[in-house]
């Protein structure tokens, strides 16, 4: 991209600059009035603008046009030229965000030095923007369980709309991945996805980070909302946003405009908003920590992201996906999962959800030796489950060791079958095949042990009838 827009009310000057630049391999566009300049910028922002301060017979002067360009397209460098230049005009232009200032009559060599540097600045800004967009590309969404398919179906329904989405679920379930999926499959996929980590930004800097700032010393510094213009802004853990900032975000959602910190002019933005939280926002509202009006603005389409214990069927596929990812990104060994490791992963507790599973896989790949399939003994907490040369002896401890044989057997069978049914997402046929029982026999066994299956968040879950009744009463 080497497109340069030249704005000057003197035809000879703009054509002279155009001829010089085209001889150097640049593509140019010309404008003689402020109306022509504004129309060209709106139709297709240039890589660089050369702008005269004084424009005869125009509604706006060069400073006005400069302010408009830096407001709507802060990435475009603007070089100011003027035949009536003085230090005050130069300082005013630089304060408003001009890249540099050249006084007429100008030296061609000087002009080319400034333009070459400005074009390099433009190139670096575009590359930086592109890198940010690449960083926002989603990882693959993986899963086949009913709860995952239900989530995917809900996400597919909202991608093409412009509605605001609130993603809920405990930490580590993949709420940001869901937000990235929405962006990547939306009509705004070619525009930025900007992630606002509400919990990691200091409260006293939140407004500056979001809205940007203006100052005489540093000029215009765009905030995250300007960077997201035309695309999607994702408020991660929105409950951690300071209450004062919440009021201003609410106003942005209503007006799609805001002022930078220290600025006087309003900045217009076109944004789609996706938010997430792992907390109960209704409880936060009741405690006075979250604005109810903002909640209703953000919670247009609520989507729950299920925890990993509701999609245990997906664990082997997720683990294999992470193994491939770490191999590609870090060069870690590309290992398969042995059957006992798959089974162990599906029966382990995952309070940290998918993020914890990802960390466990990375740890095993880093600490493991060779490229043999990953065995259950390599998993955290399982290394000492069976001691070398102990003939796979099982040590019975705790409450189980104090029970009579019949009660201990029933307790073990109940816990074992609960684990296997939940592992296979409530699929009785697959559970029966794995445990080596006929389906009808498994049904009878479950009934005798007081185990029933029920629907929960799109998945079939197993539980003990008495415990479930007590939970419901509580």
Protein backbone atom coordinates (compact mmCIF):
# COMPACT_ATOMS: atom_id res chain seq x y z
CA UNK A 1 0.00 0.00 0.00
CA UNK A 2 1.66 3.25 -1.18
CA UNK A 3 -1.37 5.47 -1.75
CA UNK A 4 -0.78 9.16 -0.83
CA UNK A 5 -3.52 11.81 -0.72
CA UNK A 6 -2.28 15.34 -1.57
CA UNK A 7 -4.54 18.19 -0.39
CA UNK A 8 -3.67 21.71 -1.55
CA UNK A 9 -5.75 24.57 -2.95
CA UNK A 10 -3.01 25.41 -5.49
CA UNK A 11 -3.30 23.07 -8.48
CA UNK A 12 0.32 23.57 -9.56
CA UNK A 13 1.62 22.63 -6.11
CA UNK A 14 -0.44 19.42 -5.73
CA UNK A 15 0.38 18.31 -9.29
CA UNK A 16 4.10 19.04 -8.76
CA UNK A 17 4.17 16.96 -5.56
CA UNK A 18 2.19 14.22 -7.32
CA UNK A 19 4.65 14.06 -10.25
CA UNK A 20 7.62 13.86 -7.87
CA UNK A 21 6.05 11.06 -5.83
CA UNK A 22 4.87 9.06 -8.83
CA UNK A 23 8.43 9.20 -10.24
CA UNK A 24 9.46 7.54 -6.96
CA UNK A 25 6.91 4.75 -7.44
CA UNK A 26 4.11 6.02 -5.21
CA UNK A 27 0.43 6.20 -6.14
CA UNK A 28 -1.24 9.55 -5.51
CA UNK A 29 -4.71 11.10 -5.24
CA UNK A 30 -5.44 14.82 -5.37
CA UNK A 31 -7.91 17.10 -3.60
CA UNK A 32 -8.25 20.89 -3.87
CA UNK A 33 -10.87 21.56 -1.19
CA UNK A 34 -11.78 20.29 2.25
CA UNK A 35 -14.95 18.66 0.92
CA UNK A 36 -12.96 16.70 -1.67
CA UNK A 37 -10.39 15.68 0.94
CA UNK A 38 -13.00 14.49 3.46
CA UNK A 39 -14.87 12.54 0.75
CA UNK A 40 -11.68 10.77 -0.36
CA UNK A 41 -10.66 9.88 3.20
CA UNK A 42 -14.11 8.47 3.96
CA UNK A 43 -14.19 6.49 0.69
CA UNK A 44 -10.72 4.97 1.19
CA UNK A 45 -8.27 6.12 3.90
CA UNK A 46 -4.80 6.69 2.36
CA UNK A 47 -1.50 5.37 3.63
CA UNK A 48 -0.32 8.96 4.03
CA UNK A 49 -1.79 12.48 3.70
CA UNK A 50 0.07 15.62 2.61
CA UNK A 51 -2.10 18.50 3.80
CA UNK A 52 -1.94 22.26 3.23
CA UNK A 53 -2.87 24.40 6.25
CA UNK A 54 -4.65 27.13 4.27
CA UNK A 55 -7.41 26.02 1.89
CA UNK A 56 -9.21 28.83 0.05
CA UNK A 57 -12.96 28.54 -0.56
CA UNK A 58 -13.23 25.57 1.82
CA UNK A 59 -15.47 24.94 4.81
CA UNK A 60 -12.56 23.53 6.84
CA UNK A 61 -8.91 24.48 7.13
CA UNK A 62 -6.01 22.05 7.36
CA UNK A 63 -6.08 21.86 11.17
CA UNK A 64 -9.79 20.93 11.09
CA UNK A 65 -9.13 18.20 8.52
CA UNK A 66 -6.13 16.97 10.56
CA UNK A 67 -8.30 16.66 13.69
CA UNK A 68 -10.96 14.74 11.75
CA UNK A 69 -8.41 12.32 10.25
CA UNK A 70 -6.67 11.66 13.57
CA UNK A 71 -10.05 11.12 15.23
CA UNK A 72 -11.40 8.64 12.68
CA UNK A 73 -8.16 7.17 11.27
CA UNK A 74 -5.39 7.67 13.86
CA UNK A 75 -3.11 5.23 12.01
CA UNK A 76 -2.79 7.58 8.96
CA UNK A 77 0.31 9.86 9.17
CA UNK A 78 -0.35 13.48 8.11
CA UNK A 79 2.43 15.78 6.84
CA UNK A 80 1.44 19.47 7.04
CA UNK A 81 2.69 22.01 4.44
CA UNK A 82 2.14 25.78 4.37
CA UNK A 83 3.46 28.86 2.63
CA UNK A 84 2.56 30.97 5.62
CA UNK A 85 4.20 28.76 8.19
CA UNK A 86 5.55 29.83 11.50
CA UNK A 87 6.50 28.06 14.68
CA UNK A 88 3.04 28.53 16.25
CA UNK A 89 1.29 26.78 13.36
CA UNK A 90 3.87 23.98 13.38
CA UNK A 91 3.42 23.42 17.12
CA UNK A 92 -0.39 23.46 16.77
CA UNK A 93 -0.24 20.86 13.98
CA UNK A 94 2.11 18.57 15.90
CA UNK A 95 -0.12 18.81 18.99
CA UNK A 96 -3.09 17.68 16.93
CA UNK A 97 -1.18 14.60 15.78
CA UNK A 98 0.62 15.68 12.59
CA UNK A 99 3.62 13.54 11.71
CA UNK A 100 5.73 16.49 10.56
CA UNK A 101 5.59 20.07 9.21
CA UNK A 102 7.18 21.41 5.98
CA UNK A 103 7.24 25.08 4.98
CA UNK A 104 6.76 26.27 1.39
CA UNK A 105 8.76 26.68 -0.76
CA UNK A 106 10.08 23.25 0.13
CA UNK A 107 13.22 21.46 -0.85
CA UNK A 108 12.45 18.31 -2.87
CA UNK A 109 15.09 16.26 -1.05
CA UNK A 110 13.72 17.38 2.31
CA UNK A 111 10.19 16.52 1.17
CA UNK A 112 11.23 13.02 0.10
CA UNK A 113 13.04 12.34 3.37
CA UNK A 114 9.95 13.27 5.40
CA UNK A 115 7.57 11.30 3.15
CA UNK A 116 9.81 8.21 3.13
CA UNK A 117 9.93 8.21 6.94
CA UNK A 118 6.18 8.84 7.20
CA UNK A 119 5.45 5.95 4.81
CA UNK A 120 7.67 3.69 6.91
CA UNK A 121 5.66 4.76 9.98
CA UNK A 122 2.44 3.96 8.10
CA UNK A 123 3.79 0.52 7.15
CA UNK A 124 4.78 -0.29 10.72
CA UNK A 125 1.37 0.79 12.03
CA UNK A 126 -0.39 -1.43 9.49
CA UNK A 127 1.83 -4.37 10.40
CA UNK A 128 1.14 -3.79 14.09
CA UNK A 129 -2.59 -3.72 13.41
CA UNK A 130 -2.32 -6.91 11.38
CA UNK A 131 -0.38 -8.64 14.16
CA UNK A 132 -3.10 -7.66 16.63
CA UNK A 133 -5.68 -9.14 14.31
CA UNK A 134 -3.69 -12.34 13.94
CA UNK A 135 -3.44 -12.56 17.71
CA UNK A 136 -7.22 -12.34 17.83
CA UNK A 137 -7.70 -15.31 15.50
CA UNK A 138 -9.53 -18.05 17.38
CA UNK A 139 -8.14 -21.41 18.31
CA UNK A 140 -10.12 -24.36 17.06
CA UNK A 141 -13.24 -25.19 19.05
CA UNK A 142 -13.07 -28.89 19.87
CA UNK A 143 -15.73 -31.26 21.13
CA UNK A 144 -18.50 -33.71 20.28
CA UNK A 145 -20.45 -33.91 23.56
CA UNK A 146 -24.07 -32.82 23.68
CA UNK A 147 -23.28 -29.85 25.96
CA UNK A 148 -20.56 -28.68 23.56
CA UNK A 149 -22.86 -29.04 20.55
CA UNK A 150 -25.48 -27.03 22.39
CA UNK A 151 -22.91 -24.27 23.06
CA UNK A 152 -21.73 -24.31 19.43
CA UNK A 153 -25.32 -24.08 18.20
CA UNK A 154 -25.96 -21.02 20.37
CA UNK A 155 -22.74 -19.35 19.19
CA UNK A 156 -23.60 -20.02 15.55
CA UNK A 157 -26.95 -18.28 16.03
CA UNK A 158 -25.38 -15.02 17.25
CA UNK A 159 -22.36 -14.71 14.95
CA UNK A 160 -24.11 -12.91 12.08
CA UNK A 161 -26.15 -10.58 14.26
CA UNK A 162 -24.89 -7.41 15.89
CA UNK A 163 -26.44 -8.25 19.26
CA UNK A 164 -24.49 -7.94 22.48
CA UNK A 165 -23.56 -11.29 24.03
CA UNK A 166 -22.87 -12.13 27.68
CA UNK A 167 -20.81 -15.31 28.15
CA UNK A 168 -21.06 -16.91 31.60
CA UNK A 169 -19.30 -19.82 33.27
CA UNK A 170 -16.56 -20.59 35.80
CA UNK A 171 -12.93 -19.65 35.20
CA UNK A 172 -11.09 -21.67 32.58
CA UNK A 173 -14.08 -22.97 30.59
CA UNK A 174 -13.15 -21.09 27.41
CA UNK A 175 -15.24 -17.92 27.44
CA UNK A 176 -12.61 -15.94 25.55
CA UNK A 177 -12.38 -18.70 22.94
CA UNK A 178 -16.15 -18.43 22.49
CA UNK A 179 -15.80 -14.66 22.02
CA UNK A 180 -13.09 -15.18 19.42
CA UNK A 181 -15.33 -17.69 17.63
CA UNK A 182 -18.13 -15.12 17.47
CA UNK A 183 -15.75 -12.51 16.01
CA UNK A 184 -14.11 -14.83 13.49
CA UNK A 185 -17.45 -16.01 12.09
CA UNK A 186 -19.15 -12.60 12.08
CA UNK A 187 -19.41 -9.92 9.40
CA UNK A 188 -16.72 -8.03 11.36
CA UNK A 189 -14.08 -10.76 11.05
CA UNK A 190 -11.82 -8.55 8.89
CA UNK A 191 -11.88 -5.82 11.57
CA UNK A 192 -10.12 -5.94 14.95
CA UNK A 193 -11.09 -7.95 18.01
CA UNK A 194 -9.82 -6.01 21.03
CA UNK A 195 -9.75 -7.80 24.38
CA UNK A 196 -10.20 -5.68 27.50
CA UNK A 197 -8.96 -7.61 30.55
CA UNK A 198 -11.04 -5.77 33.13
CA UNK A 199 -9.35 -7.50 36.07
CA UNK A 200 -5.79 -6.69 34.97
CA UNK A 201 -6.17 -2.94 34.31
CA UNK A 202 -5.61 -0.67 37.31
CA UNK A 203 -8.80 1.15 38.30
CA UNK A 204 -7.22 4.62 38.06
CA UNK A 205 -6.00 3.90 34.50
CA UNK A 206 -9.13 2.16 33.18
CA UNK A 207 -10.64 5.22 31.48
CA UNK A 208 -7.33 6.23 29.88
CA UNK A 209 -6.81 2.69 28.56
CA UNK A 210 -10.36 2.47 27.17
CA UNK A 211 -10.91 5.99 25.83
CA UNK A 212 -7.35 7.17 25.11
CA UNK A 213 -5.97 10.55 26.06
CA UNK A 214 -4.98 13.93 24.63
CA UNK A 215 -2.21 16.15 25.98
CA UNK A 216 0.03 18.96 24.72
CA UNK A 217 3.14 16.93 25.49
CA UNK A 218 2.15 13.60 23.89
CA UNK A 219 -0.58 14.57 21.43
CA UNK A 220 -3.38 12.07 20.72
CA UNK A 221 -3.08 8.53 22.08
CA UNK A 222 -6.01 6.31 20.98
CA UNK A 223 -7.55 3.92 23.51
CA UNK A 224 -8.77 0.38 23.11
CA UNK A 225 -12.25 1.42 22.00
CA UNK A 226 -10.78 3.37 19.07
CA UNK A 227 -8.60 0.41 18.14
CA UNK A 228 -11.74 -1.75 18.05
CA UNK A 229 -13.64 0.68 15.79
CA UNK A 230 -15.55 -1.30 13.15
CA UNK A 231 -14.88 -4.56 14.96
CA UNK A 232 -15.59 -6.27 18.28
CA UNK A 233 -14.59 -5.28 21.79
CA UNK A 234 -14.54 -8.12 24.34
CA UNK A 235 -14.86 -7.16 28.01
CA UNK A 236 -13.32 -10.12 29.84
CA UNK A 237 -14.56 -10.47 33.45
CA UNK A 238 -16.69 -7.33 33.15
CA UNK A 239 -17.68 -7.55 36.84
CA UNK A 240 -14.18 -6.30 37.71
CA UNK A 241 -14.71 -3.00 35.89
CA UNK A 242 -14.71 0.02 38.28
CA UNK A 243 -18.21 1.34 39.00
CA UNK A 244 -17.29 4.81 37.71
CA UNK A 245 -16.08 3.43 34.40
CA UNK A 246 -19.27 1.37 34.10
CA UNK A 247 -21.31 4.59 33.84
CA UNK A 248 -19.15 5.86 30.98
CA UNK A 249 -19.26 2.51 29.15
CA UNK A 250 -23.04 2.62 29.47
CA UNK A 251 -23.02 6.03 27.77
CA UNK A 252 -20.77 4.71 24.98
CA UNK A 253 -23.20 1.84 24.36
CA UNK A 254 -26.05 4.33 24.06
CA UNK A 255 -24.32 7.05 21.98
CA UNK A 256 -21.44 5.13 20.31
CA UNK A 257 -19.37 8.24 21.13
CA UNK A 258 -16.97 9.33 23.87
CA UNK A 259 -14.26 11.85 24.74
CA UNK A 260 -10.64 10.97 25.26
CA UNK A 261 -9.20 11.78 28.68
CA UNK A 262 -8.11 15.42 28.47
CA UNK A 263 -9.84 15.89 25.12
CA UNK A 264 -12.69 18.16 24.02
CA UNK A 265 -13.90 16.51 20.81
CA UNK A 266 -16.14 13.47 20.78
CA UNK A 267 -14.91 10.32 19.02
CA UNK A 268 -17.48 8.22 17.15
CA UNK A 269 -17.07 4.43 17.06
CA UNK A 270 -18.91 1.48 15.56
CA UNK A 271 -18.55 -1.45 17.95
CA UNK A 272 -20.04 -4.82 18.68
CA UNK A 273 -19.70 -5.74 22.36
CA UNK A 274 -19.17 -9.21 23.81
CA UNK A 275 -18.71 -9.59 27.57
CA UNK A 276 -17.97 -12.40 30.00
CA UNK A 277 -18.13 -13.07 33.71
CA UNK A 278 -17.52 -15.94 36.11
CA UNK A 279 -19.49 -14.16 38.86
CA UNK A 280 -23.18 -13.77 39.62
CA UNK A 281 -23.92 -10.30 38.23
CA UNK A 282 -27.34 -10.21 39.90
CA UNK A 283 -25.60 -10.61 43.26
CA UNK A 284 -23.06 -7.93 42.27
CA UNK A 285 -25.94 -5.59 41.39
CA UNK A 286 -27.58 -6.25 44.75
CA UNK A 287 -24.27 -5.49 46.50
CA UNK A 288 -23.94 -2.21 44.60
CA UNK A 289 -20.85 -3.35 42.67
CA UNK A 290 -22.40 -3.44 39.20
CA UNK A 291 -24.81 -1.09 37.45
CA UNK A 292 -28.13 -2.73 36.63
CA UNK A 293 -28.58 -0.58 33.49
CA UNK A 294 -25.24 -1.77 32.15
CA UNK A 295 -26.14 -5.38 32.90
CA UNK A 296 -29.31 -5.11 30.81
CA UNK A 297 -27.37 -3.46 27.96
CA UNK A 298 -24.72 -6.20 27.92
CA UNK A 299 -26.94 -9.19 28.67
CA UNK A 300 -29.00 -9.08 25.45
CA UNK A 301 -28.06 -12.65 24.50
CA UNK A 302 -26.81 -14.70 27.50
CA UNK A 303 -24.84 -17.85 26.64
CA UNK A 304 -23.56 -20.28 29.28
CA UNK A 305 -20.23 -21.97 28.57
CA UNK A 306 -20.30 -25.42 30.24
CA UNK A 307 -17.61 -26.56 32.71
CA UNK A 308 -15.40 -29.50 31.77
CA UNK A 309 -17.16 -31.93 34.14
CA UNK A 310 -20.27 -31.54 31.96
CA UNK A 311 -18.36 -32.51 28.82
CA UNK A 312 -16.04 -35.31 29.93
CA UNK A 313 -16.56 -37.07 26.59
CA UNK A 314 -14.53 -34.28 24.99
CA UNK A 315 -11.46 -34.67 27.19
CA UNK A 316 -9.49 -37.13 24.97
CA UNK A 317 -10.14 -34.98 21.89
CA UNK A 318 -9.21 -31.80 23.77
CA UNK A 319 -6.01 -33.37 25.10
CA UNK A 320 -5.03 -34.55 21.60
CA UNK A 321 -5.72 -31.05 20.28
CA UNK A 322 -3.44 -29.51 22.91
CA UNK A 323 -0.70 -32.04 22.15
CA UNK A 324 -0.79 -31.04 18.46
CA UNK A 325 -0.84 -27.35 19.39
CA UNK A 326 2.18 -27.60 21.71
CA UNK A 327 4.05 -29.58 19.08
CA UNK A 328 3.44 -26.87 16.47
CA UNK A 329 4.08 -23.90 18.76
CA UNK A 330 6.86 -25.16 21.06
CA UNK A 331 8.24 -28.23 19.32
CA UNK A 332 7.18 -30.51 22.20
CA UNK A 333 6.89 -34.24 21.39
CA UNK A 334 3.89 -35.29 19.34
CA UNK A 335 2.66 -38.14 21.55
CA UNK A 336 -0.54 -40.13 21.60
CA UNK A 337 -2.65 -40.80 24.69
CA UNK A 338 -2.73 -44.39 25.93
CA UNK A 339 -6.17 -45.77 26.77
CA UNK A 340 -5.47 -45.79 30.51
CA UNK A 341 -4.40 -42.13 30.32
CA UNK A 342 -7.58 -41.21 28.46
CA UNK A 343 -9.68 -42.97 31.07
CA UNK A 344 -7.77 -41.35 33.93
CA UNK A 345 -8.15 -37.86 32.44
CA UNK A 346 -11.88 -38.42 32.10
CA UNK A 347 -12.24 -39.43 35.75
CA UNK A 348 -10.03 -36.72 37.29
CA UNK A 349 -11.51 -33.60 38.89
CA UNK A 350 -11.09 -30.39 36.87
CA UNK A 351 -11.85 -27.32 39.02
CA UNK A 352 -9.76 -25.26 36.57
CA UNK A 353 -11.71 -26.67 33.61
CA UNK A 354 -10.23 -26.66 30.08
CA UNK A 355 -7.42 -24.31 31.09
CA UNK A 356 -6.30 -26.80 33.77
CA UNK A 357 -6.42 -29.68 31.26
CA UNK A 358 -4.27 -27.65 28.86
CA UNK A 359 -1.72 -26.99 31.62
CA UNK A 360 -1.63 -30.68 32.59
CA UNK A 361 -0.96 -31.72 28.98
CA UNK A 362 1.84 -29.16 28.65
CA UNK A 363 3.43 -30.32 31.91
CA UNK A 364 3.38 -33.98 30.84
CA UNK A 365 4.95 -33.16 27.46
CA UNK A 366 7.71 -31.07 29.05
CA UNK A 367 8.61 -33.57 31.79
CA UNK A 368 8.08 -36.75 29.79
CA UNK A 369 10.77 -38.69 27.93
CA UNK A 370 10.58 -40.02 24.41
CA UNK A 371 7.63 -40.21 22.05
CA UNK A 372 5.83 -43.27 23.45
CA UNK A 373 2.11 -42.92 24.20
CA UNK A 374 1.38 -41.01 27.41
CA UNK A 375 0.53 -43.47 30.18
CA UNK A 376 -1.75 -42.85 33.17
CA UNK A 377 1.22 -43.01 35.54
CA UNK A 378 2.63 -39.82 33.95
CA UNK A 379 -0.41 -37.74 34.92
CA UNK A 380 -0.13 -35.44 37.96
CA UNK A 381 -1.10 -37.23 41.18
CA UNK A 382 -0.95 -40.66 39.55
CA UNK A 383 2.80 -41.27 39.69
CA UNK A 384 2.58 -43.17 43.00
CA UNK A 385 -0.75 -44.88 42.36
CA UNK A 386 1.04 -48.17 41.60
CA UNK A 387 4.51 -48.72 42.99
CA UNK A 388 7.17 -50.47 40.95
CA UNK A 389 7.30 -54.19 41.76
CA UNK A 390 4.31 -54.05 44.09
CA UNK A 391 2.30 -56.47 41.93
CA UNK A 392 -0.22 -53.65 41.46
CA UNK A 393 -1.38 -53.96 45.07
CA UNK A 394 -4.31 -51.73 46.06
CA UNK A 395 -4.24 -50.03 49.46
CA UNK A 396 -7.76 -49.54 50.95
CA UNK A 397 -8.02 -46.60 53.31
CA UNK A 398 -10.48 -44.11 54.78
CA UNK A 399 -14.19 -44.80 55.33
CA UNK A 400 -14.16 -47.71 52.86
CA UNK A 401 -11.74 -49.66 55.07
CA UNK A 402 -14.17 -49.44 58.02
CA UNK A 403 -17.19 -50.86 56.15
CA UNK A 404 -18.40 -54.46 56.05
CA UNK A 405 -17.59 -56.16 52.73
CA UNK A 406 -21.11 -55.87 51.29
CA UNK A 407 -21.40 -52.13 52.05
CA UNK A 408 -17.88 -51.46 50.81
CA UNK A 409 -18.59 -53.31 47.56
CA UNK A 410 -21.80 -51.33 47.00
CA UNK A 411 -20.06 -48.03 47.77
CA UNK A 412 -17.27 -48.85 45.35
CA UNK A 413 -19.65 -50.00 42.60
CA UNK A 414 -21.80 -46.91 43.00
CA UNK A 415 -18.85 -44.51 42.79
CA UNK A 416 -17.25 -46.46 39.94
CA UNK A 417 -20.41 -46.53 37.83
CA UNK A 418 -21.20 -42.87 38.56
CA UNK A 419 -17.73 -41.99 37.31
CA UNK A 420 -18.00 -44.09 34.14
CA UNK A 421 -21.49 -42.87 33.21
CA UNK A 422 -20.47 -39.24 33.61
CA UNK A 423 -17.27 -39.96 31.71
CA UNK A 424 -19.34 -41.14 28.73
CA UNK A 425 -21.82 -38.26 28.98
CA UNK A 426 -24.63 -40.43 30.33
CA UNK A 427 -24.46 -42.87 27.37
CA UNK A 428 -25.52 -46.17 28.92
CA UNK A 429 -24.56 -48.29 25.89
CA UNK A 430 -20.99 -46.98 25.83
CA UNK A 431 -20.70 -47.32 29.61
CA UNK A 432 -21.96 -50.91 29.51
CA UNK A 433 -19.50 -51.78 26.74
CA UNK A 434 -16.58 -50.29 28.67
CA UNK A 435 -17.37 -51.92 32.03
CA UNK A 436 -18.12 -55.29 30.36
CA UNK A 437 -21.81 -55.62 31.19
CA UNK A 438 -24.97 -56.12 29.19
CA UNK A 439 -27.01 -52.94 28.94
CA UNK A 440 -30.01 -54.50 30.70
CA UNK A 441 -27.77 -55.81 33.48
CA UNK A 442 -26.23 -52.36 33.92
CA UNK A 443 -29.72 -50.82 34.21
CA UNK A 444 -30.62 -53.32 36.93
CA UNK A 445 -27.36 -52.69 38.76
CA UNK A 446 -27.87 -48.89 38.64
CA UNK A 447 -31.40 -49.27 39.97
CA UNK A 448 -30.25 -51.48 42.84
CA UNK A 449 -27.56 -48.93 43.76
CA UNK A 450 -29.97 -45.99 43.61
CA UNK A 451 -28.20 -44.38 40.65
CA UNK A 452 -30.34 -42.47 38.13
CA UNK A 453 -29.52 -40.37 35.10
CA UNK A 454 -30.91 -36.94 34.35
CA UNK A 455 -30.39 -34.02 32.02
CA UNK A 456 -28.17 -31.14 33.07
CA UNK A 457 -27.06 -28.28 30.81
CA UNK A 458 -27.55 -30.33 27.66
CA UNK A 459 -25.69 -33.37 29.00
CA UNK A 460 -26.86 -36.61 30.59
CA UNK A 461 -25.48 -36.81 34.12
CA UNK A 462 -25.62 -39.60 36.69
CA UNK A 463 -26.27 -39.05 40.37
CA UNK A 464 -27.51 -40.82 43.49
CA UNK A 465 -31.26 -40.25 43.83
CA UNK A 466 -31.19 -39.56 47.55
CA UNK A 467 -28.34 -37.07 47.27
CA UNK A 468 -30.07 -35.22 44.45
CA UNK A 469 -33.31 -34.93 46.46
CA UNK A 470 -31.39 -33.54 49.45
CA UNK A 471 -29.64 -31.03 47.18
CA UNK A 472 -32.94 -29.90 45.69
CA UNK A 473 -34.47 -29.43 49.15
CA UNK A 474 -31.46 -27.41 50.27
